[in-house]
Amino acid sequence: MLGDEFNMAWKAIKKNAFLSADHDLAEFFMTLSGTIVSQRIQQRGGAPHLHLKYYPSKSSDSELISALLTGHRDVQIYKCDTHEPDKCLNPQLRSVNLREKALSHKIGSMLDSIKSHLWHDKSLSEPQKAFVNSTMIPILKIIAVEMAFKQGGSPISIGSYQEAIAHDILLQYLDEVMELVWTSVTQLKQTQINDQMIEKFRAGVASSRKRLFAERTKMFEQISLTLEAIERTHQIEAKLQNMFISTASSQRSQ
């Protein structure tokens, strides 16, 4: 249930173990999707009532995605009015720069921590598990391949997939927001949010998802080509090795 007072996107963010751990990153994600806020207002001399406000998605700003991924520039995002976990009822546009808190840095740090846990045969934490489950990239399998090449020279590196992982995390978040909207649509109408406001919000999320999915598809096509090239190389190496063994055996038998 949303409750009388809620921030739709913030509600979805707090259900995401990876995002809920970083307030600044969470605000970027809220800006990407947009949100609907319901807030109880007490006017002087009058009865309290719910005030509804729609915050449109800013995903059409190409600099927003770049800033989210790399943290190399200042952009305007929806900043919460409080750091209380269940609030953020009055977000305002503010100029920020994530710098070392950018998603790429966050993903790099998380991958390093997962590698360390696996290397020392330790169980993954809940945020680490949520991170692994947030992408279609087989993170644990790729890390296992890297670890098998103890002296380096691994044909595949998990660090090469940071941007693709970032897009997967963004898409998963948008899916979670959309699911929350669908499951809460009856309550939204009961709180007097009209269909037009709901549709604007859904359209903004859908547009963001379509744009990100197109970029992700391009990345996965490149990843697929890379993996195919690695597989072909392995097949050629195996064939050459078998030919060498066969030739050496024939020479010894003469």
Foldseek 3Di string as FASTA:
>chain_A
DQPQWAKLLLVLQCVQLQRLVDQVLSQLLCLQQWTKTWDWDDDVPDDIAIDIDTGFHPLVPVVSVVQQAALPDWDWTFHAPDPPSTHSRPTDTDIDGCHCPHQLNSLVVLLVVVLVCVVVVHDDDPNNVSLCVLAPPNSVVQSVQQVVPVVDPRLDDPNVCSVLSVLSNSLSSLVSSLVSCVVCVVVCVVSVDDPVSSVSSNVRSVVSNVVSVVVSVVVVVVVVVSVVVVVVVVVVVVVVVVVVVVVVVVVVVD
